[in-house]
Amino acid sequence: MDRTTTTTATPAPLWAVRVAALAHLAAILWEGATAGQLVTFNAAALPLHYYGAFGVHTMAVLQLAAALWYWNSAGRGGGVPRTLALVSGLALLLGFPQAALGTYGPLQAHVPLALVLTGTAVWAAALAWRRP
């Protein structure tokens, strides 16, 4: 009796979305760290926070592109790949009003929306790292 185990390699689109989701979360973590500095009146953190928002948007676009690649490679059906693409799109869309509120709006709306964005990015990362 031959006891061989079969393993399937994780496809490149799934790895791409996993890496992009982690990079997106890292950019959001950077924003939280620099926001903490701003709360303590460290004005030197303002440019770091401002330009970090561009990193969040860039990583969100890359995450969405990778999620769409993964969904397309999975046959464009339902399930986790489609949900991951939708959640990634939601994270990208949430980032723009969240950043605009930080520049032009009240912080009382900017900060809660940042938490919603963080939760959405965590949701996408959890979906990306879920077993296929």
N, C-alpha and C. Protein backbone atom coordinates (compact mmCIF):
# COMPACT_ATOMS: atom_id res chain seq x y z
N MET A 1 0.85 -1.16 0.00
CA MET A 1 0.00 0.00 0.00
C MET A 1 0.90 1.24 0.00
N ASP A 2 0.64 2.13 -0.95
CA ASP A 2 1.44 3.34 -1.10
C ASP A 2 0.78 4.47 -0.31
N ARG A 3 1.51 5.00 0.65
CA ARG A 3 0.97 6.10 1.46
C ARG A 3 1.64 7.40 1.05
N THR A 4 1.11 7.99 0.04
CA THR A 4 1.64 9.28 -0.39
C THR A 4 0.62 10.35 -0.06
N THR A 5 1.14 11.46 0.30
CA THR A 5 0.23 12.58 0.57
C THR A 5 0.31 13.54 -0.59
N THR A 6 -0.80 14.09 -0.89
CA THR A 6 -0.82 15.07 -1.98
C THR A 6 -1.03 16.45 -1.39
N THR A 7 -0.25 17.35 -1.85
CA THR A 7 -0.41 18.74 -1.44
C THR A 7 -0.57 19.57 -2.69
N THR A 8 -1.36 20.57 -2.58
CA THR A 8 -1.52 21.46 -3.71
C THR A 8 -0.86 22.78 -3.37
N ALA A 9 -0.16 23.29 -4.32
CA ALA A 9 0.52 24.56 -4.11
C ALA A 9 -0.51 25.69 -4.08
N THR A 10 -0.23 26.67 -3.26
CA THR A 10 -1.10 27.83 -3.21
C THR A 10 -0.89 28.65 -4.48
N PRO A 11 -1.97 28.99 -5.18
CA PRO A 11 -1.82 29.71 -6.45
C PRO A 11 -1.28 31.13 -6.24
N ALA A 12 -0.59 31.60 -7.26
CA ALA A 12 0.02 32.94 -7.21
C ALA A 12 -1.00 34.05 -6.92
N PRO A 13 -2.20 34.03 -7.51
CA PRO A 13 -3.15 35.10 -7.19
C PRO A 13 -3.51 35.15 -5.70
N LEU A 14 -3.60 33.99 -5.06
CA LEU A 14 -3.92 33.98 -3.63
C LEU A 14 -2.77 34.54 -2.82
N TRP A 15 -1.54 34.19 -3.18
CA TRP A 15 -0.39 34.76 -2.49
C TRP A 15 -0.32 36.27 -2.69
N ALA A 16 -0.64 36.70 -3.89
CA ALA A 16 -0.62 38.15 -4.16
C ALA A 16 -1.61 38.89 -3.28
N VAL A 17 -2.81 38.35 -3.14
CA VAL A 17 -3.81 39.03 -2.31
C VAL A 17 -3.44 38.94 -0.83
N ARG A 18 -2.81 37.87 -0.42
CA ARG A 18 -2.37 37.76 0.96
C ARG A 18 -1.31 38.81 1.29
N VAL A 19 -0.32 38.93 0.42
CA VAL A 19 0.74 39.92 0.64
C VAL A 19 0.17 41.33 0.59
N ALA A 20 -0.71 41.60 -0.37
CA ALA A 20 -1.30 42.93 -0.49
C ALA A 20 -2.15 43.26 0.72
N ALA A 21 -2.89 42.30 1.24
CA ALA A 21 -3.72 42.55 2.43
C ALA A 21 -2.85 42.87 3.64
N LEU A 22 -1.74 42.17 3.80
CA LEU A 22 -0.84 42.45 4.91
C LEU A 22 -0.17 43.81 4.74
N ALA A 23 0.18 44.16 3.51
CA ALA A 23 0.78 45.49 3.26
C ALA A 23 -0.24 46.60 3.54
N HIS A 24 -1.49 46.36 3.17
CA HIS A 24 -2.55 47.33 3.45
C HIS A 24 -2.71 47.52 4.96
N LEU A 25 -2.72 46.42 5.69
CA LEU A 25 -2.82 46.52 7.15
C LEU A 25 -1.61 47.23 7.75
N ALA A 26 -0.44 46.98 7.21
CA ALA A 26 0.76 47.66 7.71
C ALA A 26 0.66 49.17 7.48
N ALA A 27 0.15 49.58 6.33
CA ALA A 27 -0.02 51.01 6.06
C ALA A 27 -1.04 51.63 7.00
N ILE A 28 -2.11 50.90 7.30
CA ILE A 28 -3.11 51.40 8.24
C ILE A 28 -2.52 51.48 9.65
N LEU A 29 -1.70 50.51 10.02
CA LEU A 29 -1.03 50.55 11.32
C LEU A 29 -0.11 51.77 11.42
N TRP A 30 0.59 52.07 10.33
CA TRP A 30 1.44 53.26 10.28
C TRP A 30 0.60 54.52 10.54
N GLU A 31 -0.56 54.58 9.92
CA GLU A 31 -1.43 55.73 10.11
C GLU A 31 -1.89 55.85 11.56
N GLY A 32 -2.20 54.73 12.18
CA GLY A 32 -2.59 54.76 13.58
C GLY A 32 -1.46 55.22 14.48
N ALA A 33 -0.25 54.77 14.19
CA ALA A 33 0.90 55.18 15.00
C ALA A 33 1.18 56.67 14.85
N THR A 34 1.12 57.17 13.64
CA THR A 34 1.37 58.60 13.45
C THR A 34 0.21 59.44 13.99
N ALA A 35 -1.00 58.91 13.94
CA ALA A 35 -2.14 59.62 14.53
C ALA A 35 -1.96 59.74 16.04
N GLY A 36 -1.44 58.70 16.65
CA GLY A 36 -1.17 58.76 18.08
C GLY A 36 -0.17 59.86 18.42
N GLN A 37 0.79 60.05 17.54
CA GLN A 37 1.75 61.13 17.75
C GLN A 37 1.08 62.50 17.62
N LEU A 38 0.14 62.60 16.70
CA LEU A 38 -0.56 63.88 16.53
C LEU A 38 -1.43 64.20 17.74
N VAL A 39 -2.02 63.19 18.34
CA VAL A 39 -2.85 63.40 19.52
C VAL A 39 -2.01 63.95 20.68
N THR A 40 -0.74 63.58 20.71
CA THR A 40 0.15 64.08 21.77
C THR A 40 0.83 65.39 21.35
N PHE A 41 0.30 66.01 20.33
CA PHE A 41 0.76 67.32 19.84
C PHE A 41 2.18 67.30 19.28
N ASN A 42 2.58 66.17 18.71
CA ASN A 42 3.86 66.07 18.03
C ASN A 42 3.63 66.48 16.57
N ALA A 43 3.83 67.74 16.27
CA ALA A 43 3.55 68.27 14.93
C ALA A 43 4.47 67.69 13.87
N ALA A 44 5.62 67.14 14.28
CA ALA A 44 6.53 66.54 13.32
C ALA A 44 5.92 65.30 12.65
N ALA A 45 4.90 64.73 13.27
CA ALA A 45 4.26 63.54 12.71
C ALA A 45 3.24 63.87 11.63
N LEU A 46 2.87 65.14 11.48
CA LEU A 46 1.84 65.51 10.51
C LEU A 46 2.20 65.11 9.08
N PRO A 47 3.41 65.42 8.57
CA PRO A 47 3.71 64.98 7.20
C PRO A 47 3.76 63.45 7.08
N LEU A 48 4.20 62.78 8.12
CA LEU A 48 4.24 61.31 8.08
C LEU A 48 2.82 60.74 7.98
N HIS A 49 1.91 61.33 8.71
CA HIS A 49 0.52 60.89 8.68
C HIS A 49 -0.13 61.25 7.33
N TYR A 50 0.13 62.45 6.87
CA TYR A 50 -0.45 62.93 5.61
C TYR A 50 0.00 62.03 4.44
N TYR A 51 1.30 61.83 4.31
CA TYR A 51 1.80 61.03 3.19
C TYR A 51 1.55 59.54 3.38
N GLY A 52 1.39 59.13 4.63
CA GLY A 52 1.02 57.74 4.88
C GLY A 52 -0.33 57.38 4.31
N ALA A 53 -1.22 58.38 4.22
CA ALA A 53 -2.54 58.13 3.62
C ALA A 53 -2.41 57.71 2.16
N PHE A 54 -1.42 58.26 1.47
CA PHE A 54 -1.20 57.84 0.08
C PHE A 54 -0.77 56.37 0.03
N GLY A 55 0.00 55.96 1.02
CA GLY A 55 0.38 54.55 1.11
C GLY A 55 -0.81 53.65 1.35
N VAL A 56 -1.73 54.11 2.20
CA VAL A 56 -2.95 53.33 2.46
C VAL A 56 -3.75 53.17 1.17
N HIS A 57 -3.90 54.26 0.42
CA HIS A 57 -4.66 54.19 -0.84
C HIS A 57 -3.95 53.29 -1.85
N THR A 58 -2.65 53.40 -1.94
CA THR A 58 -1.88 52.58 -2.89
C THR A 58 -2.01 51.10 -2.55
N MET A 59 -1.88 50.77 -1.27
CA MET A 59 -1.99 49.37 -0.86
C MET A 59 -3.42 48.85 -1.06
N ALA A 60 -4.41 49.72 -0.89
CA ALA A 60 -5.80 49.30 -1.11
C ALA A 60 -6.03 48.99 -2.58
N VAL A 61 -5.45 49.81 -3.47
CA VAL A 61 -5.59 49.54 -4.91
C VAL A 61 -4.91 48.22 -5.26
N LEU A 62 -3.70 48.00 -4.73
CA LEU A 62 -3.00 46.74 -5.00
C LEU A 62 -3.78 45.55 -4.45
N GLN A 63 -4.37 45.72 -3.27
CA GLN A 63 -5.16 44.63 -2.69
C GLN A 63 -6.36 44.33 -3.56
N LEU A 64 -7.05 45.36 -4.02
CA LEU A 64 -8.21 45.13 -4.88
C LEU A 64 -7.80 44.46 -6.18
N ALA A 65 -6.70 44.91 -6.78
CA ALA A 65 -6.23 44.30 -8.03
C ALA A 65 -5.90 42.82 -7.81
N ALA A 66 -5.23 42.52 -6.71
CA ALA A 66 -4.89 41.12 -6.42
C ALA A 66 -6.15 40.31 -6.14
N ALA A 67 -7.11 40.90 -5.43
CA ALA A 67 -8.36 40.18 -5.14
C ALA A 67 -9.15 39.91 -6.41
N LEU A 68 -9.15 40.86 -7.32
CA LEU A 68 -9.83 40.64 -8.60
C LEU A 68 -9.12 39.57 -9.42
N TRP A 69 -7.80 39.55 -9.37
CA TRP A 69 -7.02 38.51 -10.06
C TRP A 69 -7.36 37.13 -9.47
N TYR A 70 -7.42 37.07 -8.15
CA TYR A 70 -7.76 35.82 -7.48
C TYR A 70 -9.18 35.38 -7.83
N TRP A 71 -10.12 36.31 -7.82
CA TRP A 71 -11.51 35.97 -8.16
C TRP A 71 -11.60 35.50 -9.60
N ASN A 72 -10.90 36.18 -10.50
CA ASN A 72 -10.90 35.79 -11.91
C ASN A 72 -10.29 34.41 -12.09
N SER A 73 -9.21 34.12 -11.40
CA SER A 73 -8.55 32.82 -11.53
C SER A 73 -9.40 31.70 -10.91
N ALA A 74 -10.29 32.06 -10.01
CA ALA A 74 -11.17 31.07 -9.38
C ALA A 74 -12.45 30.85 -10.18
N GLY A 75 -12.57 31.49 -11.34
CA GLY A 75 -13.71 31.27 -12.20
C GLY A 75 -14.83 32.27 -12.07
N ARG A 76 -14.62 33.36 -11.35
CA ARG A 76 -15.61 34.42 -11.18
C ARG A 76 -16.93 33.95 -10.59
N GLY A 77 -16.85 32.91 -9.80
CA GLY A 77 -18.06 32.43 -9.13
C GLY A 77 -18.25 33.11 -7.80
N GLY A 78 -19.11 32.54 -6.99
CA GLY A 78 -19.36 33.07 -5.66
C GLY A 78 -18.32 32.57 -4.69
N GLY A 79 -18.62 32.72 -3.43
CA GLY A 79 -17.74 32.21 -2.40
C GLY A 79 -16.71 33.22 -1.93
N VAL A 80 -15.66 32.69 -1.33
CA VAL A 80 -14.63 33.52 -0.71
C VAL A 80 -13.94 34.45 -1.71
N PRO A 81 -13.54 33.98 -2.90
CA PRO A 81 -12.86 34.91 -3.81
C PRO A 81 -13.70 36.14 -4.17
N ARG A 82 -14.98 35.95 -4.41
CA ARG A 82 -15.84 37.09 -4.73
C ARG A 82 -16.03 37.99 -3.51
N THR A 83 -16.25 37.39 -2.35
CA THR A 83 -16.40 38.18 -1.13
C THR A 83 -15.14 38.98 -0.85
N LEU A 84 -13.98 38.37 -1.06
CA LEU A 84 -12.72 39.05 -0.85
C LEU A 84 -12.57 40.24 -1.80
N ALA A 85 -12.99 40.08 -3.04
CA ALA A 85 -12.94 41.19 -4.00
C ALA A 85 -13.88 42.31 -3.57
N LEU A 86 -15.07 41.96 -3.12
CA LEU A 86 -16.03 42.97 -2.68
C LEU A 86 -15.56 43.71 -1.43
N VAL A 87 -15.02 42.99 -0.48
CA VAL A 87 -14.53 43.61 0.75
C VAL A 87 -13.32 44.48 0.45
N SER A 88 -12.46 44.04 -0.46
CA SER A 88 -11.30 44.85 -0.85
C SER A 88 -11.75 46.14 -1.54
N GLY A 89 -12.77 46.04 -2.36
CA GLY A 89 -13.32 47.24 -2.99
C GLY A 89 -13.93 48.18 -1.97
N LEU A 90 -14.61 47.63 -0.98
CA LEU A 90 -15.18 48.44 0.09
C LEU A 90 -14.07 49.16 0.87
N ALA A 91 -12.98 48.45 1.14
CA ALA A 91 -11.86 49.07 1.86
C ALA A 91 -11.27 50.23 1.06
N LEU A 92 -11.15 50.05 -0.24
CA LEU A 92 -10.63 51.13 -1.09
C LEU A 92 -11.58 52.32 -1.05
N LEU A 93 -12.87 52.07 -1.20
CA LEU A 93 -13.84 53.16 -1.20
C LEU A 93 -13.92 53.88 0.14
N LEU A 94 -13.81 53.16 1.23
CA LEU A 94 -13.87 53.79 2.55
C LEU A 94 -12.67 54.70 2.81
N GLY A 95 -11.54 54.39 2.20
CA GLY A 95 -10.32 55.15 2.45
C GLY A 95 -10.41 56.60 2.01
N PHE A 96 -11.14 56.87 0.94
CA PHE A 96 -11.17 58.23 0.42
C PHE A 96 -11.98 59.20 1.29
N PRO A 97 -13.21 58.88 1.68
CA PRO A 97 -13.89 59.81 2.59
C PRO A 97 -13.21 59.88 3.95
N GLN A 98 -12.62 58.78 4.38
CA GLN A 98 -11.92 58.78 5.66
C GLN A 98 -10.75 59.76 5.62
N ALA A 99 -9.98 59.74 4.55
CA ALA A 99 -8.85 60.66 4.43
C ALA A 99 -9.34 62.10 4.25
N ALA A 100 -10.39 62.28 3.48
CA ALA A 100 -10.92 63.63 3.26
C ALA A 100 -11.42 64.24 4.58
N LEU A 101 -12.04 63.41 5.40
CA LEU A 101 -12.50 63.91 6.70
C LEU A 101 -11.33 64.31 7.59
N GLY A 102 -10.20 63.66 7.42
CA GLY A 102 -9.03 64.02 8.20
C GLY A 102 -8.46 65.36 7.78
N THR A 103 -8.61 65.69 6.51
CA THR A 103 -8.08 66.95 6.01
C THR A 103 -9.09 68.08 6.14
N TYR A 104 -10.34 67.80 5.78
CA TYR A 104 -11.33 68.86 5.67
C TYR A 104 -12.49 68.75 6.65
N GLY A 105 -12.57 67.67 7.38
CA GLY A 105 -13.74 67.45 8.20
C GLY A 105 -13.41 67.33 9.67
N PRO A 106 -14.40 67.01 10.46
CA PRO A 106 -14.18 66.89 11.90
C PRO A 106 -13.51 65.56 12.24
N LEU A 107 -12.62 65.62 13.21
CA LEU A 107 -11.96 64.39 13.66
C LEU A 107 -12.95 63.42 14.30
N GLN A 108 -14.10 63.96 14.76
CA GLN A 108 -15.12 63.10 15.36
C GLN A 108 -15.70 62.14 14.33
N ALA A 109 -15.56 62.43 13.05
CA ALA A 109 -15.98 61.51 12.00
C ALA A 109 -14.78 60.76 11.41
N HIS A 110 -13.62 61.42 11.37
CA HIS A 110 -12.41 60.83 10.79
C HIS A 110 -11.96 59.59 11.57
N VAL A 111 -11.94 59.68 12.88
CA VAL A 111 -11.44 58.59 13.70
C VAL A 111 -12.37 57.37 13.67
N PRO A 112 -13.68 57.51 13.86
CA PRO A 112 -14.54 56.32 13.76
C PRO A 112 -14.49 55.67 12.38
N LEU A 113 -14.42 56.48 11.34
CA LEU A 113 -14.33 55.88 10.00
C LEU A 113 -13.00 55.15 9.82
N ALA A 114 -11.94 55.63 10.48
CA ALA A 114 -10.66 54.92 10.46
C ALA A 114 -10.80 53.54 11.09
N LEU A 115 -11.60 53.46 12.14
CA LEU A 115 -11.82 52.16 12.78
C LEU A 115 -12.63 51.23 11.88
N VAL A 116 -13.61 51.78 11.17
CA VAL A 116 -14.38 50.97 10.23
C VAL A 116 -13.46 50.48 9.10
N LEU A 117 -12.61 51.37 8.60
CA LEU A 117 -11.66 50.99 7.55
C LEU A 117 -10.72 49.90 8.05
N THR A 118 -10.23 50.04 9.27
CA THR A 118 -9.34 49.02 9.83
C THR A 118 -10.05 47.68 9.95
N GLY A 119 -11.27 47.70 10.42
CA GLY A 119 -12.04 46.45 10.51
C GLY A 119 -12.28 45.81 9.16
N THR A 120 -12.53 46.63 8.15
CA THR A 120 -12.74 46.11 6.80
C THR A 120 -11.46 45.50 6.25
N ALA A 121 -10.33 46.14 6.50
CA ALA A 121 -9.04 45.61 6.04
C ALA A 121 -8.70 44.31 6.77
N VAL A 122 -9.02 44.23 8.05
CA VAL A 122 -8.80 42.99 8.80
C VAL A 122 -9.70 41.89 8.26
N TRP A 123 -10.93 42.22 7.94
CA TRP A 123 -11.86 41.25 7.35
C TRP A 123 -11.28 40.71 6.04
N ALA A 124 -10.79 41.58 5.20
CA ALA A 124 -10.19 41.14 3.93
C ALA A 124 -8.98 40.25 4.18
N ALA A 125 -8.14 40.62 5.13
CA ALA A 125 -6.96 39.80 5.42
C ALA A 125 -7.37 38.43 5.95
N ALA A 126 -8.40 38.39 6.79
CA ALA A 126 -8.88 37.11 7.31
C ALA A 126 -9.40 36.23 6.18
N LEU A 127 -10.10 36.83 5.24
CA LEU A 127 -10.59 36.07 4.09
C LEU A 127 -9.42 35.58 3.23
N ALA A 128 -8.40 36.41 3.06
CA ALA A 128 -7.25 36.03 2.24
C ALA A 128 -6.47 34.87 2.86
N TRP A 129 -6.40 34.84 4.17
CA TRP A 129 -5.63 33.80 4.84
C TRP A 129 -6.46 32.60 5.24
N ARG A 130 -7.73 32.64 4.89
CA ARG A 130 -8.60 31.49 5.16
C ARG A 130 -8.15 30.33 4.27
N ARG A 131 -8.29 29.14 4.77
CA ARG A 131 -7.91 27.98 3.97
C ARG A 131 -8.80 27.86 2.74
N PRO A 132 -8.17 27.70 1.58
CA PRO A 132 -9.00 27.57 0.35
C PRO A 132 -9.73 26.24 0.30
